[in-house]
Every structure is written in structure tokens, then in C-alpha cells.
N, C-alpha and C. Protein backbone atom coordinates (compact mmCIF):
# COMPACT_ATOMS: atom_id res chain seq x y z
N UNK A 1 87.77 64.82 191.36
CA UNK A 1 88.87 65.20 192.20
C UNK A 1 90.09 65.49 191.33
N UNK A 2 90.74 66.59 191.61
CA UNK A 2 91.94 66.97 190.87
C UNK A 2 93.16 66.47 191.64
N UNK A 3 93.98 65.71 190.99
CA UNK A 3 95.18 65.19 191.62
C UNK A 3 96.36 66.07 191.25
N UNK A 4 97.24 66.36 192.23
CA UNK A 4 98.40 67.20 191.92
C UNK A 4 99.34 66.50 190.95
N UNK A 5 99.88 67.28 190.06
CA UNK A 5 100.85 66.75 189.10
C UNK A 5 102.24 66.97 189.66
N UNK A 6 103.01 65.90 189.72
CA UNK A 6 104.38 66.01 190.22
C UNK A 6 105.34 65.57 189.14
N UNK A 7 106.34 66.37 188.95
CA UNK A 7 107.43 66.02 188.07
C UNK A 7 108.18 64.86 188.72
N UNK A 8 108.53 63.84 187.93
CA UNK A 8 109.19 62.67 188.52
C UNK A 8 110.52 63.05 189.18
N UNK A 9 111.21 64.06 188.65
CA UNK A 9 112.45 64.48 189.28
C UNK A 9 112.18 65.12 190.64
N UNK A 10 111.04 65.81 190.77
CA UNK A 10 110.65 66.42 192.04
C UNK A 10 110.35 65.32 193.08
N UNK A 11 109.64 64.30 192.66
CA UNK A 11 109.33 63.19 193.55
C UNK A 11 110.60 62.46 193.95
N UNK A 12 111.49 62.25 192.99
CA UNK A 12 112.76 61.59 193.29
C UNK A 12 113.58 62.40 194.30
N UNK A 13 113.57 63.72 194.16
CA UNK A 13 114.30 64.60 195.08
C UNK A 13 113.71 64.50 196.48
N UNK A 14 112.39 64.48 196.61
CA UNK A 14 111.74 64.35 197.92
C UNK A 14 112.09 63.00 198.54
N UNK A 15 112.07 61.95 197.74
CA UNK A 15 112.44 60.62 198.25
C UNK A 15 113.89 60.59 198.71
N UNK A 16 114.77 61.24 197.95
CA UNK A 16 116.19 61.28 198.31
C UNK A 16 116.37 62.01 199.64
N UNK A 17 115.67 63.15 199.79
CA UNK A 17 115.77 63.90 201.04
C UNK A 17 115.20 63.11 202.22
N UNK A 18 114.09 62.42 201.99
CA UNK A 18 113.49 61.60 203.05
C UNK A 18 114.47 60.52 203.49
N UNK A 19 115.10 59.85 202.52
CA UNK A 19 116.06 58.79 202.85
C UNK A 19 117.25 59.37 203.62
N UNK A 20 117.73 60.53 203.18
CA UNK A 20 118.89 61.15 203.83
C UNK A 20 118.54 61.55 205.26
N UNK A 21 117.39 62.20 205.43
CA UNK A 21 116.96 62.62 206.76
C UNK A 21 116.70 61.41 207.65
N UNK A 22 116.04 60.39 207.10
CA UNK A 22 115.74 59.19 207.88
C UNK A 22 117.01 58.49 208.33
N UNK A 23 118.00 58.42 207.45
CA UNK A 23 119.27 57.79 207.80
C UNK A 23 119.97 58.59 208.88
N UNK A 24 119.96 59.94 208.75
CA UNK A 24 120.66 60.80 209.70
C UNK A 24 120.09 60.65 211.11
N UNK A 25 118.78 60.48 211.24
CA UNK A 25 118.18 60.38 212.57
C UNK A 25 117.92 58.95 213.00
N UNK A 26 118.37 57.99 212.21
CA UNK A 26 118.30 56.59 212.63
C UNK A 26 117.00 55.89 212.36
N UNK A 27 116.18 56.41 211.45
CA UNK A 27 114.91 55.74 211.14
C UNK A 27 115.06 54.61 210.14
N UNK A 28 116.08 54.65 209.31
CA UNK A 28 116.17 53.69 208.22
C UNK A 28 116.60 52.30 208.68
N UNK A 29 117.17 52.20 209.88
CA UNK A 29 117.67 50.91 210.32
C UNK A 29 116.72 50.19 211.26
N UNK A 30 115.78 50.89 211.86
CA UNK A 30 114.88 50.30 212.84
C UNK A 30 113.50 50.18 212.25
N UNK A 31 112.87 49.03 212.43
CA UNK A 31 111.51 48.85 211.93
C UNK A 31 110.64 48.31 213.04
N UNK A 32 109.39 48.70 213.05
CA UNK A 32 108.43 48.14 213.99
C UNK A 32 107.88 46.86 213.38
N UNK A 33 107.16 46.10 214.18
CA UNK A 33 106.63 44.82 213.71
C UNK A 33 105.74 44.94 212.49
N UNK A 34 105.07 46.06 212.28
CA UNK A 34 104.18 46.20 211.14
C UNK A 34 104.90 46.70 209.89
N UNK A 35 106.22 46.83 209.94
CA UNK A 35 107.00 47.21 208.77
C UNK A 35 107.17 48.70 208.56
N UNK A 36 106.52 49.55 209.38
CA UNK A 36 106.70 51.00 209.22
C UNK A 36 108.02 51.42 209.83
N UNK A 37 108.54 52.54 209.33
CA UNK A 37 109.76 53.10 209.92
C UNK A 37 109.47 53.47 211.37
N UNK A 38 110.40 53.21 212.22
CA UNK A 38 110.17 53.40 213.66
C UNK A 38 110.53 54.81 214.10
N UNK A 39 109.60 55.73 213.90
CA UNK A 39 109.83 57.09 214.37
C UNK A 39 109.72 57.13 215.89
N UNK A 40 109.13 56.10 216.47
CA UNK A 40 108.98 56.03 217.92
C UNK A 40 110.35 56.13 218.62
N UNK A 41 111.37 55.47 218.07
CA UNK A 41 112.70 55.50 218.68
C UNK A 41 113.23 56.93 218.73
N UNK A 42 113.06 57.68 217.65
CA UNK A 42 113.52 59.07 217.61
C UNK A 42 112.67 59.89 218.57
N UNK A 43 111.37 59.69 218.55
CA UNK A 43 110.47 60.43 219.42
C UNK A 43 110.84 60.21 220.90
N UNK A 44 111.17 58.97 221.25
CA UNK A 44 111.52 58.68 222.64
C UNK A 44 112.87 59.27 223.03
N UNK A 45 113.80 59.44 222.09
CA UNK A 45 115.12 59.99 222.40
C UNK A 45 115.13 61.52 222.33
N UNK A 46 114.17 62.11 221.65
CA UNK A 46 114.10 63.56 221.49
C UNK A 46 113.23 64.15 222.60
N UNK A 47 113.46 65.42 222.92
CA UNK A 47 112.58 66.08 223.88
C UNK A 47 111.55 66.97 223.17
N UNK A 48 111.39 66.78 221.86
CA UNK A 48 110.36 67.50 221.12
C UNK A 48 109.02 66.77 221.28
N UNK A 49 107.94 67.54 221.18
CA UNK A 49 106.63 66.90 221.14
C UNK A 49 106.48 66.22 219.78
N UNK A 50 105.50 65.37 219.65
CA UNK A 50 105.28 64.70 218.37
C UNK A 50 105.01 65.73 217.27
N UNK A 51 104.26 66.77 217.57
CA UNK A 51 103.97 67.81 216.57
C UNK A 51 105.24 68.56 216.18
N UNK A 52 106.07 68.90 217.16
CA UNK A 52 107.34 69.58 216.86
C UNK A 52 108.24 68.70 216.01
N UNK A 53 108.25 67.41 216.30
CA UNK A 53 109.07 66.48 215.54
C UNK A 53 108.59 66.40 214.08
N UNK A 54 107.28 66.43 213.88
CA UNK A 54 106.75 66.40 212.51
C UNK A 54 107.11 67.67 211.75
N UNK A 55 107.05 68.82 212.42
CA UNK A 55 107.45 70.08 211.79
C UNK A 55 108.93 70.04 211.44
N UNK A 56 109.75 69.55 212.38
CA UNK A 56 111.19 69.46 212.15
C UNK A 56 111.49 68.58 210.94
N UNK A 57 110.81 67.43 210.86
CA UNK A 57 111.03 66.51 209.74
C UNK A 57 110.61 67.17 208.43
N UNK A 58 109.48 67.85 208.42
CA UNK A 58 109.02 68.53 207.21
C UNK A 58 109.99 69.59 206.75
N UNK A 59 110.54 70.37 207.69
CA UNK A 59 111.49 71.40 207.32
C UNK A 59 112.81 70.81 206.84
N UNK A 60 113.18 69.63 207.33
CA UNK A 60 114.39 68.97 206.86
C UNK A 60 114.19 68.40 205.46
N UNK A 61 112.98 67.98 205.16
CA UNK A 61 112.71 67.43 203.82
C UNK A 61 112.66 68.53 202.77
N UNK A 62 112.05 69.65 203.10
CA UNK A 62 111.90 70.75 202.14
C UNK A 62 112.31 72.07 202.80
N UNK A 63 113.60 72.26 203.04
CA UNK A 63 114.04 73.46 203.77
C UNK A 63 113.79 74.77 203.03
N UNK A 64 113.64 74.71 201.71
CA UNK A 64 113.43 75.95 200.95
C UNK A 64 111.98 76.42 201.01
N UNK A 65 111.09 75.65 201.62
CA UNK A 65 109.69 76.04 201.74
C UNK A 65 109.42 76.43 203.19
N UNK A 66 109.28 77.70 203.48
CA UNK A 66 109.10 78.16 204.87
C UNK A 66 107.65 78.01 205.35
N UNK A 67 107.18 76.79 205.42
CA UNK A 67 105.78 76.53 205.76
C UNK A 67 105.41 77.06 207.14
N UNK A 68 106.29 76.95 208.09
CA UNK A 68 105.96 77.28 209.47
C UNK A 68 106.49 78.64 209.90
N UNK A 69 106.88 79.48 208.96
CA UNK A 69 107.29 80.83 209.29
C UNK A 69 106.07 81.73 209.27
N UNK A 70 106.07 82.72 210.11
CA UNK A 70 104.94 83.63 210.20
C UNK A 70 105.47 85.06 210.20
N UNK A 71 104.96 85.86 209.28
CA UNK A 71 105.35 87.26 209.23
C UNK A 71 104.15 88.11 209.63
N UNK A 72 104.41 89.08 210.46
CA UNK A 72 103.34 89.96 210.92
C UNK A 72 103.81 91.40 210.77
N UNK A 73 102.95 92.24 210.26
CA UNK A 73 103.26 93.67 210.14
C UNK A 73 102.29 94.44 211.02
N UNK A 74 102.80 95.37 211.78
CA UNK A 74 101.97 96.20 212.64
C UNK A 74 102.12 97.65 212.21
N UNK A 75 101.02 98.33 212.14
CA UNK A 75 101.05 99.77 211.86
C UNK A 75 101.01 100.49 213.20
N UNK A 76 102.06 101.22 213.49
CA UNK A 76 102.13 101.97 214.74
C UNK A 76 102.06 103.45 214.38
N UNK A 77 101.08 104.12 214.92
CA UNK A 77 100.89 105.54 214.63
C UNK A 77 101.57 106.37 215.71
N UNK A 78 102.26 107.39 215.32
CA UNK A 78 102.95 108.26 216.27
C UNK A 78 104.44 107.95 216.30
N UNK A 79 105.15 108.72 217.10
CA UNK A 79 106.60 108.58 217.19
C UNK A 79 106.96 107.42 218.11
N UNK A 80 108.04 106.76 217.76
CA UNK A 80 108.55 105.66 218.57
C UNK A 80 110.02 105.95 218.89
N UNK A 81 110.34 105.83 220.14
CA UNK A 81 111.73 105.98 220.56
C UNK A 81 112.39 104.62 220.37
N UNK A 82 113.31 104.48 219.41
CA UNK A 82 113.91 103.18 219.13
C UNK A 82 114.60 102.55 220.34
N UNK A 83 115.21 103.34 221.19
CA UNK A 83 115.90 102.80 222.37
C UNK A 83 114.89 102.18 223.33
N UNK A 84 113.81 102.92 223.62
CA UNK A 84 112.78 102.40 224.52
C UNK A 84 112.05 101.19 223.91
N UNK A 85 111.79 101.26 222.62
CA UNK A 85 111.13 100.14 221.95
C UNK A 85 112.02 98.89 222.02
N UNK A 86 113.32 99.06 221.77
CA UNK A 86 114.25 97.95 221.85
C UNK A 86 114.31 97.34 223.24
N UNK A 87 114.31 98.19 224.27
CA UNK A 87 114.31 97.69 225.65
C UNK A 87 113.02 96.93 225.95
N UNK A 88 111.89 97.45 225.48
CA UNK A 88 110.61 96.77 225.70
C UNK A 88 110.59 95.42 225.00
N UNK A 89 111.11 95.38 223.78
CA UNK A 89 111.14 94.12 223.03
C UNK A 89 112.07 93.11 223.71
N UNK A 90 113.21 93.57 224.21
CA UNK A 90 114.13 92.68 224.92
C UNK A 90 113.48 92.14 226.19
N UNK A 91 112.68 92.96 226.86
CA UNK A 91 111.95 92.50 228.05
C UNK A 91 110.97 91.39 227.66
N UNK A 92 110.31 91.54 226.52
CA UNK A 92 109.41 90.51 226.02
C UNK A 92 110.17 89.21 225.76
N UNK A 93 111.30 89.29 225.08
CA UNK A 93 112.11 88.10 224.78
C UNK A 93 112.57 87.45 226.08
N UNK A 94 113.03 88.25 227.04
CA UNK A 94 113.52 87.72 228.31
C UNK A 94 112.43 86.99 229.09
N UNK A 95 111.19 87.42 228.94
CA UNK A 95 110.10 86.84 229.73
C UNK A 95 109.38 85.68 229.03
N UNK A 96 109.76 85.39 227.80
CA UNK A 96 109.06 84.35 227.03
C UNK A 96 109.98 83.19 226.69
N UNK A 97 109.72 82.03 227.31
CA UNK A 97 110.52 80.85 227.00
C UNK A 97 110.41 80.48 225.52
N UNK A 98 109.24 80.65 224.95
CA UNK A 98 109.03 80.27 223.54
C UNK A 98 109.93 81.06 222.60
N UNK A 99 110.21 82.30 222.93
CA UNK A 99 111.06 83.13 222.08
C UNK A 99 112.55 82.85 222.28
N UNK A 100 112.89 82.11 223.34
CA UNK A 100 114.28 81.77 223.61
C UNK A 100 114.57 80.28 223.47
N UNK A 101 113.66 79.56 222.85
CA UNK A 101 113.85 78.12 222.64
C UNK A 101 114.43 77.88 221.25
N UNK A 102 115.49 77.09 221.19
CA UNK A 102 116.13 76.77 219.91
C UNK A 102 116.09 75.26 219.71
N UNK A 103 116.06 74.86 218.44
CA UNK A 103 116.15 73.44 218.10
C UNK A 103 117.54 73.17 217.57
N UNK A 104 118.10 72.07 218.00
CA UNK A 104 119.42 71.66 217.52
C UNK A 104 119.46 70.15 217.44
N UNK A 105 120.34 69.65 216.61
CA UNK A 105 120.51 68.21 216.49
C UNK A 105 121.67 67.76 217.34
N UNK A 106 121.44 66.72 218.13
CA UNK A 106 122.50 66.11 218.93
C UNK A 106 122.53 64.63 218.53
N UNK A 107 123.62 64.22 217.91
CA UNK A 107 123.75 62.85 217.38
C UNK A 107 122.60 62.51 216.44
N UNK A 108 122.20 63.50 215.64
CA UNK A 108 121.14 63.28 214.66
C UNK A 108 119.73 63.33 215.21
N UNK A 109 119.59 63.57 216.50
CA UNK A 109 118.27 63.62 217.13
C UNK A 109 117.93 65.08 217.42
N UNK A 110 116.76 65.55 216.96
CA UNK A 110 116.37 66.93 217.23
C UNK A 110 116.04 67.13 218.71
N UNK A 111 116.59 68.18 219.27
CA UNK A 111 116.37 68.50 220.68
C UNK A 111 116.07 69.99 220.80
N UNK A 112 115.22 70.33 221.77
CA UNK A 112 114.99 71.74 222.04
C UNK A 112 115.75 72.14 223.30
N UNK A 113 116.23 73.37 223.27
CA UNK A 113 117.02 73.88 224.38
C UNK A 113 116.60 75.32 224.64
N UNK A 114 116.42 75.63 225.91
CA UNK A 114 116.07 76.99 226.30
C UNK A 114 117.35 77.79 226.50
N UNK A 115 117.46 78.88 225.76
CA UNK A 115 118.61 79.77 225.89
C UNK A 115 118.30 80.73 227.04
N UNK A 116 119.14 80.76 228.09
CA UNK A 116 118.82 81.61 229.24
C UNK A 116 118.81 83.10 228.91
N UNK A 117 119.73 83.52 228.05
CA UNK A 117 119.81 84.94 227.67
C UNK A 117 119.95 84.99 226.15
N UNK A 118 119.10 85.77 225.52
CA UNK A 118 119.15 85.91 224.07
C UNK A 118 119.09 87.40 223.72
N UNK A 119 120.25 88.05 223.62
CA UNK A 119 120.26 89.47 223.25
C UNK A 119 119.68 89.64 221.84
N UNK A 120 118.80 90.60 221.70
CA UNK A 120 118.16 90.83 220.41
C UNK A 120 118.29 92.30 220.03
N UNK A 121 118.81 92.54 218.86
CA UNK A 121 118.97 93.90 218.36
C UNK A 121 117.86 94.18 217.35
N UNK A 122 117.18 95.29 217.51
CA UNK A 122 116.15 95.69 216.57
C UNK A 122 116.76 96.66 215.57
N UNK A 123 116.58 96.35 214.30
CA UNK A 123 117.06 97.29 213.28
C UNK A 123 115.96 98.32 213.02
N UNK A 124 116.38 99.54 212.79
CA UNK A 124 115.43 100.63 212.58
C UNK A 124 115.60 101.14 211.15
N UNK A 125 114.50 101.16 210.42
CA UNK A 125 114.44 101.72 209.07
C UNK A 125 113.46 102.87 209.08
N UNK A 126 113.95 104.06 209.02
CA UNK A 126 113.09 105.24 209.01
C UNK A 126 112.67 105.51 207.57
N UNK A 127 111.42 105.26 207.27
CA UNK A 127 110.92 105.44 205.90
C UNK A 127 110.09 106.71 205.75
N UNK A 128 110.24 107.65 206.69
CA UNK A 128 109.44 108.87 206.61
C UNK A 128 109.98 109.84 205.57
């Protein structure tokens, strides 16, 4: 088995970020009976699912690593009217709660909030 090699300064930086994030959301002061950090308190105060909370914590620990970002490229053949395409895309955003949900911290606790209206501008780059 090959074990990953970590620079001690890299490990120290991750530990520092974990401590900072844990303190900010109140994990460092509360402990469960088995001695583990009590993420349960944050989970109970947040309206994120457990999976969303884990993603949020990971992104707070290593914000420069876009682990959960997804890029997709589509090849569209033929002419596209940018105005009509923009209207169609805005209709998609308006009809999808997932595309209008934002995460924000309230008193150090991550919360999700549905934005009722999210105007979206599509930039057009004509590479023809």
C-alpha cells in the first residue's frame, strides 16, 4: 500500500484551518460523552443535510480546492439567438429551487436559503 506523503507544513495548515473552522461554528467547545467533537449540535442548528454540512466543512477547510464544482461543455450545432437562449435559461433558473439555493453562515452556522428571484445574465463569446 502506498501512503500519501504530506509536508508537515501542509498538515499543520490543515490542522490550523480545522481548528479555526471548528471554533467559528462552535465545535471546539462542545464534546460528546465519547470525546469526539460534537458536530451534532451544529447539525441540529443548521438546516443543511448531513451530506451538505460535510461538503461545507470540506470547502471551508480547503477553499482553494474546488472539489464539488462541476464544469460541463455542450456542443450546440447551428445558430443560437442569444436573447431567446438567455430567456430559456432564466426560465430554467426560475423553475429550479436547486439553482436558486444559496448557503450562508448565520452566527457561524451554515444555513441554506432559497432565493425567490435570481436574475442571471448569460455572457456571449462569439468564437466564429
